PDB file of N, CA and C in Angstrom:
ATOM      1  N   UNK A   1      30.977  -2.854   2.117  1.00  0.00           N
ATOM      2  CA  UNK A   1      30.159  -1.646   1.954  1.00  0.00           C
ATOM      3  C   UNK A   1      28.857  -1.956   1.108  1.00  0.00           C
ATOM      4  N   UNK A   2      27.881  -1.235   1.300  1.00  0.00           N
ATOM      5  CA  UNK A   2      26.673  -1.299   0.576  1.00  0.00           C
ATOM      6  C   UNK A   2      26.774  -0.722  -0.673  1.00  0.00           C
ATOM      7  N   UNK A   3      26.538  -1.346  -1.885  1.00  0.00           N
ATOM      8  CA  UNK A   3      26.607  -0.628  -3.203  1.00  0.00           C
ATOM      9  C   UNK A   3      25.588   0.495  -3.260  1.00  0.00           C
ATOM     10  N   UNK A   4      25.904   1.500  -3.957  1.00  0.00           N
ATOM     11  CA  UNK A   4      25.008   2.616  -4.261  1.00  0.00           C
ATOM     12  C   UNK A   4      24.341   2.578  -5.477  1.00  0.00           C
ATOM     13  N   UNK A   5      24.776   1.593  -6.367  1.00  0.00           N
ATOM     14  CA  UNK A   5      24.130   1.440  -7.691  1.00  0.00           C
ATOM     15  C   UNK A   5      23.309   0.240  -7.744  1.00  0.00           C
ATOM     16  N   UNK A   6      22.686   0.045  -8.949  1.00  0.00           N
ATOM     17  CA  UNK A   6      21.724  -1.129  -9.160  1.00  0.00           C
ATOM     18  C   UNK A   6      22.422  -2.375  -9.261  1.00  0.00           C
ATOM     19  N   UNK A   7      21.745  -3.499  -9.378  1.00  0.00           N
ATOM     20  CA  UNK A   7      22.184  -4.860  -9.486  1.00  0.00           C
ATOM     21  C   UNK A   7      21.219  -5.518 -10.480  1.00  0.00           C
ATOM     22  N   UNK A   8      21.873  -6.159 -11.465  1.00  0.00           N
ATOM     23  CA  UNK A   8      21.081  -6.894 -12.569  1.00  0.00           C
ATOM     24  C   UNK A   8      21.668  -8.264 -12.758  1.00  0.00           C
ATOM     25  N   UNK A   9      20.788  -9.125 -13.203  1.00  0.00           N
ATOM     26  CA  UNK A   9      21.151 -10.454 -13.559  1.00  0.00           C
ATOM     27  C   UNK A   9      21.041 -10.644 -15.149  1.00  0.00           C
ATOM     28  N   UNK A  10      21.913 -11.277 -15.797  1.00  0.00           N
ATOM     29  CA  UNK A  10      21.805 -11.498 -17.190  1.00  0.00           C
ATOM     30  C   UNK A  10      21.750 -13.082 -17.297  1.00  0.00           C
ATOM     31  N   UNK A  11      20.514 -13.373 -17.776  1.00  0.00           N
ATOM     32  CA  UNK A  11      20.016 -14.784 -17.748  1.00  0.00           C
ATOM     33  C   UNK A  11      19.954 -15.424 -19.078  1.00  0.00           C
ATOM     34  N   UNK A  12      20.529 -16.515 -19.353  1.00  0.00           N
ATOM     35  CA  UNK A  12      20.393 -17.272 -20.545  1.00  0.00           C
ATOM     36  C   UNK A  12      19.419 -18.431 -20.365  1.00  0.00           C
ATOM     37  N   UNK A  13      18.341 -18.362 -21.226  1.00  0.00           N
ATOM     38  CA  UNK A  13      17.305 -19.378 -21.287  1.00  0.00           C
ATOM     39  C   UNK A  13      17.668 -20.395 -22.347  1.00  0.00           C
ATOM     40  N   UNK A  14      16.887 -21.467 -22.336  1.00  0.00           N
ATOM     41  CA  UNK A  14      17.072 -22.442 -23.512  1.00  0.00           C
ATOM     42  C   UNK A  14      16.861 -21.708 -24.852  1.00  0.00           C
ATOM     43  N   UNK A  15      17.455 -22.162 -25.892  1.00  0.00           N
ATOM     44  CA  UNK A  15      17.374 -21.505 -27.149  1.00  0.00           C
ATOM     45  C   UNK A  15      15.974 -21.474 -27.695  1.00  0.00           C
ATOM     46  N   UNK A  16      15.088 -22.382 -27.390  1.00  0.00           N
ATOM     47  CA  UNK A  16      13.772 -22.191 -27.911  1.00  0.00           C
ATOM     48  C   UNK A  16      12.829 -21.142 -27.192  1.00  0.00           C
ATOM     49  N   UNK A  17      13.378 -20.479 -26.171  1.00  0.00           N
ATOM     50  CA  UNK A  17      12.651 -19.376 -25.568  1.00  0.00           C
ATOM     51  C   UNK A  17      12.995 -18.077 -26.112  1.00  0.00           C
ATOM     52  N   UNK A  18      12.014 -17.341 -26.729  1.00  0.00           N
ATOM     53  CA  UNK A  18      12.289 -16.015 -27.345  1.00  0.00           C
ATOM     54  C   UNK A  18      11.850 -15.001 -26.279  1.00  0.00           C
ATOM     55  N   UNK A  19      12.665 -14.185 -25.792  1.00  0.00           N
ATOM     56  CA  UNK A  19      12.322 -13.339 -24.733  1.00  0.00           C
ATOM     57  C   UNK A  19      11.522 -12.066 -25.153  1.00  0.00           C
ATOM     58  N   UNK A  20      11.410 -11.831 -26.414  1.00  0.00           N
ATOM     59  CA  UNK A  20      10.575 -10.719 -26.860  1.00  0.00           C
ATOM     60  C   UNK A  20       9.034 -11.025 -26.486  1.00  0.00           C
ATOM     61  N   UNK A  21       8.459 -12.123 -26.989  1.00  0.00           N
ATOM     62  CA  UNK A  21       7.131 -12.486 -26.577  1.00  0.00           C
ATOM     63  C   UNK A  21       7.009 -12.678 -25.005  1.00  0.00           C
ATOM     64  N   UNK A  22       8.024 -13.241 -24.390  1.00  0.00           N
ATOM     65  CA  UNK A  22       8.012 -13.438 -23.002  1.00  0.00           C
ATOM     66  C   UNK A  22       7.952 -12.111 -22.248  1.00  0.00           C
ATOM     67  N   UNK A  23       8.524 -11.036 -22.805  1.00  0.00           N
ATOM     68  CA  UNK A  23       8.396  -9.753 -22.281  1.00  0.00           C
ATOM     69  C   UNK A  23       7.007  -9.214 -22.174  1.00  0.00           C
ATOM     70  N   UNK A  24       6.232  -9.435 -23.291  1.00  0.00           N
ATOM     71  CA  UNK A  24       4.784  -8.972 -23.213  1.00  0.00           C
ATOM     72  C   UNK A  24       4.070  -9.883 -22.259  1.00  0.00           C
ATOM     73  N   UNK A  25       4.200 -11.045 -22.262  1.00  0.00           N
ATOM     74  CA  UNK A  25       3.477 -11.963 -21.226  1.00  0.00           C
ATOM     75  C   UNK A  25       3.793 -11.504 -19.751  1.00  0.00           C
ATOM     76  N   UNK A  26       5.045 -11.204 -19.605  1.00  0.00           N
ATOM     77  CA  UNK A  26       5.399 -10.875 -18.190  1.00  0.00           C
ATOM     78  C   UNK A  26       4.874  -9.446 -17.802  1.00  0.00           C
ATOM     79  N   UNK A  27       4.927  -8.594 -18.712  1.00  0.00           N
ATOM     80  CA  UNK A  27       4.234  -7.261 -18.310  1.00  0.00           C
ATOM     81  C   UNK A  27       2.870  -7.368 -17.910  1.00  0.00           C
ATOM     82  N   UNK A  28       2.140  -8.267 -18.614  1.00  0.00           N
ATOM     83  CA  UNK A  28       0.593  -8.538 -18.322  1.00  0.00           C
ATOM     84  C   UNK A  28       0.594  -9.049 -16.841  1.00  0.00           C
ATOM     85  N   UNK A  29       1.600  -9.716 -16.429  1.00  0.00           N
ATOM     86  CA  UNK A  29       1.556 -10.209 -14.982  1.00  0.00           C
ATOM     87  C   UNK A  29       2.186  -9.216 -14.102  1.00  0.00           C
ATOM     88  N   UNK A  30       2.629  -8.015 -14.510  1.00  0.00           N
ATOM     89  CA  UNK A  30       3.218  -7.100 -13.648  1.00  0.00           C
ATOM     90  C   UNK A  30       4.660  -7.337 -13.462  1.00  0.00           C
ATOM     91  N   UNK A  31       5.376  -8.036 -14.237  1.00  0.00           N
ATOM     92  CA  UNK A  31       6.823  -8.447 -14.122  1.00  0.00           C
ATOM     93  C   UNK A  31       7.556  -7.686 -15.206  1.00  0.00           C
ATOM     94  N   UNK A  32       8.543  -6.997 -14.737  1.00  0.00           N
ATOM     95  CA  UNK A  32       9.369  -6.221 -15.607  1.00  0.00           C
ATOM     96  C   UNK A  32      10.694  -6.868 -15.977  1.00  0.00           C
ATOM     97  N   UNK A  33      11.036  -7.144 -17.127  1.00  0.00           N
ATOM     98  CA  UNK A  33      12.325  -7.686 -17.585  1.00  0.00           C
ATOM     99  C   UNK A  33      12.676  -6.999 -18.817  1.00  0.00           C
ATOM    100  N   UNK A  34      13.914  -7.176 -19.291  1.00  0.00           N
ATOM    101  CA  UNK A  34      14.451  -6.640 -20.527  1.00  0.00           C
ATOM    102  C   UNK A  34      14.855  -7.742 -21.463  1.00  0.00           C
ATOM    103  N   UNK A  35      14.334  -7.953 -22.643  1.00  0.00           N
ATOM    104  CA  UNK A  35      14.741  -8.900 -23.539  1.00  0.00           C
ATOM    105  C   UNK A  35      16.211  -8.673 -23.948  1.00  0.00           C
ATOM    106  N   UNK A  36      16.976  -9.708 -24.143  1.00  0.00           N
ATOM    107  CA  UNK A  36      18.401  -9.574 -24.458  1.00  0.00           C
ATOM    108  C   UNK A  36      18.617  -9.000 -25.804  1.00  0.00           C
ATOM    109  N   UNK A  37      17.776  -9.262 -26.668  1.00  0.00           N
ATOM    110  CA  UNK A  37      17.860  -8.644 -28.076  1.00  0.00           C
ATOM    111  C   UNK A  37      18.058  -7.117 -28.025  1.00  0.00           C
ATOM    112  N   UNK A  38      17.472  -6.413 -27.074  1.00  0.00           N
ATOM    113  CA  UNK A  38      17.721  -5.091 -26.957  1.00  0.00           C
ATOM    114  C   UNK A  38      19.051  -4.464 -26.694  1.00  0.00           C
ATOM    115  N   UNK A  39      19.972  -5.368 -26.330  1.00  0.00           N
ATOM    116  CA  UNK A  39      21.302  -4.974 -25.874  1.00  0.00           C
ATOM    117  C   UNK A  39      22.268  -5.293 -27.065  1.00  0.00           C
ATOM    118  N   UNK A  40      21.846  -5.360 -28.273  1.00  0.00           N
ATOM    119  CA  UNK A  40      22.716  -5.549 -29.472  1.00  0.00           C
ATOM    120  C   UNK A  40      22.094  -5.090 -30.763  1.00  0.00           C
ATOM    121  N   UNK A  41      22.877  -4.622 -31.580  1.00  0.00           N
ATOM    122  CA  UNK A  41      22.408  -4.282 -32.915  1.00  0.00           C
ATOM    123  C   UNK A  41      22.346  -5.471 -33.921  1.00  0.00           C
ATOM    124  N   UNK A  42      22.951  -6.547 -33.449  1.00  0.00           N
ATOM    125  CA  UNK A  42      22.954  -7.783 -34.295  1.00  0.00           C
ATOM    126  C   UNK A  42      21.793  -8.749 -33.973  1.00  0.00           C
ATOM    127  N   UNK A  43      21.546  -9.634 -34.738  1.00  0.00           N
ATOM    128  CA  UNK A  43      20.464 -10.544 -34.528  1.00  0.00           C
ATOM    129  C   UNK A  43      20.891 -11.710 -33.505  1.00  0.00           C
ATOM    130  N   UNK A  44      20.961 -11.273 -32.185  1.00  0.00           N
ATOM    131  CA  UNK A  44      21.626 -12.152 -31.186  1.00  0.00           C
ATOM    132  C   UNK A  44      20.775 -12.074 -29.925  1.00  0.00           C
ATOM    133  N   UNK A  45      20.996 -12.831 -28.978  1.00  0.00           N
ATOM    134  CA  UNK A  45      20.450 -12.896 -27.651  1.00  0.00           C
ATOM    135  C   UNK A  45      18.868 -12.920 -27.508  1.00  0.00           C
ATOM    136  N   UNK A  46      18.379 -13.658 -28.441  1.00  0.00           N
ATOM    137  CA  UNK A  46      16.934 -13.835 -28.424  1.00  0.00           C
ATOM    138  C   UNK A  46      16.455 -14.663 -27.168  1.00  0.00           C
ATOM    139  N   UNK A  47      17.373 -15.482 -26.590  1.00  0.00           N
ATOM    140  CA  UNK A  47      16.950 -16.307 -25.432  1.00  0.00           C
ATOM    141  C   UNK A  47      17.668 -15.849 -24.180  1.00  0.00           C
ATOM    142  N   UNK A  48      17.963 -14.557 -24.159  1.00  0.00           N
ATOM    143  CA  UNK A  48      18.597 -14.014 -22.947  1.00  0.00           C
ATOM    144  C   UNK A  48      17.665 -12.827 -22.461  1.00  0.00           C
ATOM    145  N   UNK A  49      17.716 -12.556 -21.145  1.00  0.00           N
ATOM    146  CA  UNK A  49      17.024 -11.442 -20.545  1.00  0.00           C
ATOM    147  C   UNK A  49      17.832 -10.901 -19.448  1.00  0.00           C
ATOM    148  N   UNK A  50      17.463  -9.663 -19.101  1.00  0.00           N
ATOM    149  CA  UNK A  50      18.144  -8.974 -17.951  1.00  0.00           C
ATOM    150  C   UNK A  50      17.009  -8.581 -16.888  1.00  0.00           C
ATOM    151  N   UNK A  51      17.335  -8.945 -15.706  1.00  0.00           N
ATOM    152  CA  UNK A  51      16.376  -8.593 -14.622  1.00  0.00           C
ATOM    153  C   UNK A  51      17.156  -7.762 -13.642  1.00  0.00           C
ATOM    154  N   UNK A  52      16.570  -6.687 -13.202  1.00  0.00           N
ATOM    155  CA  UNK A  52      17.198  -5.840 -12.109  1.00  0.00           C
ATOM    156  C   UNK A  52      16.581  -6.169 -10.839  1.00  0.00           C
ATOM    157  N   UNK A  53      17.532  -6.093  -9.801  1.00  0.00           N
ATOM    158  CA  UNK A  53      17.143  -6.310  -8.398  1.00  0.00           C
ATOM    159  C   UNK A  53      17.659  -5.152  -7.544  1.00  0.00           C
ATOM    160  N   UNK A  54      16.941  -4.119  -7.713  1.00  0.00           N
ATOM    161  CA  UNK A  54      17.348  -2.865  -6.939  1.00  0.00           C
ATOM    162  C   UNK A  54      16.428  -2.623  -5.745  1.00  0.00           C
ATOM    163  N   UNK A  55      15.394  -3.378  -5.593  1.00  0.00           N
ATOM    164  CA  UNK A  55      14.467  -3.252  -4.521  1.00  0.00           C
ATOM    165  C   UNK A  55      14.751  -4.407  -3.444  1.00  0.00           C
ATOM    166  N   UNK A  56      14.200  -4.192  -2.267  1.00  0.00           N
ATOM    167  CA  UNK A  56      14.361  -5.205  -1.238  1.00  0.00           C
ATOM    168  C   UNK A  56      13.585  -6.609  -1.650  1.00  0.00           C
ATOM    169  N   UNK A  57      14.227  -7.708  -1.190  1.00  0.00           N
ATOM    170  CA  UNK A  57      13.723  -9.021  -1.531  1.00  0.00           C
ATOM    171  C   UNK A  57      12.428  -9.303  -0.622  1.00  0.00           C
ATOM    172  N   UNK A  58      11.412  -9.414  -1.356  1.00  0.00           N
ATOM    173  CA  UNK A  58      10.150  -9.665  -0.594  1.00  0.00           C
ATOM    174  C   UNK A  58       9.424 -10.822  -1.166  1.00  0.00           C
ATOM    175  N   UNK A  59       8.426 -11.181  -0.390  1.00  0.00           N
ATOM    176  CA  UNK A  59       7.571 -12.470  -0.806  1.00  0.00           C
ATOM    177  C   UNK A  59       6.912 -12.121  -2.281  1.00  0.00           C
ATOM    178  N   UNK A  60       6.378 -10.989  -2.479  1.00  0.00           N
ATOM    179  CA  UNK A  60       5.803 -10.667  -3.763  1.00  0.00           C
ATOM    180  C   UNK A  60       6.809 -10.849  -4.926  1.00  0.00           C
ATOM    181  N   UNK A  61       8.088 -10.526  -4.634  1.00  0.00           N
ATOM    182  CA  UNK A  61       9.118 -10.622  -5.660  1.00  0.00           C
ATOM    183  C   UNK A  61       9.478 -12.124  -5.941  1.00  0.00           C
ATOM    184  N   UNK A  62       9.462 -12.880  -4.790  1.00  0.00           N
ATOM    185  CA  UNK A  62       9.599 -14.308  -5.074  1.00  0.00           C
ATOM    186  C   UNK A  62       8.427 -14.914  -5.849  1.00  0.00           C
ATOM    187  N   UNK A  63       7.168 -14.462  -5.609  1.00  0.00           N
ATOM    188  CA  UNK A  63       6.096 -14.890  -6.371  1.00  0.00           C
ATOM    189  C   UNK A  63       6.204 -14.582  -7.752  1.00  0.00           C
ATOM    190  N   UNK A  64       6.734 -13.345  -8.073  1.00  0.00           N
ATOM    191  CA  UNK A  64       6.875 -12.798  -9.454  1.00  0.00           C
ATOM    192  C   UNK A  64       7.898 -13.761 -10.211  1.00  0.00           C
ATOM    193  N   UNK A  65       8.962 -14.169  -9.502  1.00  0.00           N
ATOM    194  CA  UNK A  65       9.939 -15.078 -10.162  1.00  0.00           C
ATOM    195  C   UNK A  65       9.278 -16.399 -10.441  1.00  0.00           C
ATOM    196  N   UNK A  66       8.520 -16.918  -9.556  1.00  0.00           N
ATOM    197  CA  UNK A  66       7.843 -18.193  -9.760  1.00  0.00           C
ATOM    198  C   UNK A  66       6.823 -18.090 -10.945  1.00  0.00           C
ATOM    199  N   UNK A  67       6.189 -17.004 -11.051  1.00  0.00           N
ATOM    200  CA  UNK A  67       5.257 -16.715 -12.209  1.00  0.00           C
ATOM    201  C   UNK A  67       6.051 -16.639 -13.459  1.00  0.00           C
ATOM    202  N   UNK A  68       7.187 -15.917 -13.432  1.00  0.00           N
ATOM    203  CA  UNK A  68       8.069 -15.889 -14.637  1.00  0.00           C
ATOM    204  C   UNK A  68       8.448 -17.285 -15.053  1.00  0.00           C
ATOM    205  N   UNK A  69       8.757 -18.181 -14.255  1.00  0.00           N
ATOM    206  CA  UNK A  69       9.010 -19.576 -14.542  1.00  0.00           C
ATOM    207  C   UNK A  69       7.979 -20.155 -15.208  1.00  0.00           C
ATOM    208  N   UNK A  70       6.638 -19.955 -14.660  1.00  0.00           N
ATOM    209  CA  UNK A  70       5.559 -20.645 -15.457  1.00  0.00           C
ATOM    210  C   UNK A  70       5.372 -20.031 -16.755  1.00  0.00           C
ATOM    211  N   UNK A  71       5.598 -18.710 -16.947  1.00  0.00           N
ATOM    212  CA  UNK A  71       5.386 -18.114 -18.287  1.00  0.00           C
ATOM    213  C   UNK A  71       6.411 -18.674 -19.249  1.00  0.00           C
ATOM    214  N   UNK A  72       7.657 -18.863 -18.868  1.00  0.00           N
ATOM    215  CA  UNK A  72       8.664 -19.556 -19.668  1.00  0.00           C
ATOM    216  C   UNK A  72       8.213 -20.943 -20.175  1.00  0.00           C
ATOM    217  N   UNK A  73       7.704 -21.730 -19.133  1.00  0.00           N
ATOM    218  CA  UNK A  73       7.293 -23.025 -19.553  1.00  0.00           C
ATOM    219  C   UNK A  73       6.121 -23.146 -20.432  1.00  0.00           C
ATOM    220  N   UNK A  74       5.260 -22.083 -20.418  1.00  0.00           N
ATOM    221  CA  UNK A  74       4.138 -22.007 -21.284  1.00  0.00           C
ATOM    222  C   UNK A  74       4.575 -21.871 -22.722  1.00  0.00           C
ATOM    223  N   UNK A  75       5.740 -21.379 -22.989  1.00  0.00           N
ATOM    224  CA  UNK A  75       6.200 -21.014 -24.340  1.00  0.00           C
ATOM    225  C   UNK A  75       5.314 -19.896 -24.904  1.00  0.00           C
TER     226      UNK A  75
END
C-alpha cells in the first residue's frame, strides 16, 4: 500500500558538524532541514538532522542534496 503519511530521514553527521549553523546555510540555498538539537531538551544531537521526503523525487531535489553535501564540507 502507499503510505498516507510523511517520510523522514534521521541523519547522523560527523561530530564536528553542527547542524544549527548548517540549517541557516541550507535555508539560504532553499533547502529545508531540521537540526537534531530541536528534538531534545538536553544538550544532544548537534550533529544530527532530520530531512523530510514527502514530495516526489525530482532532479531539483537531487541537486538540493548535492548542494547540502557541499555545505557540510564547507563547515
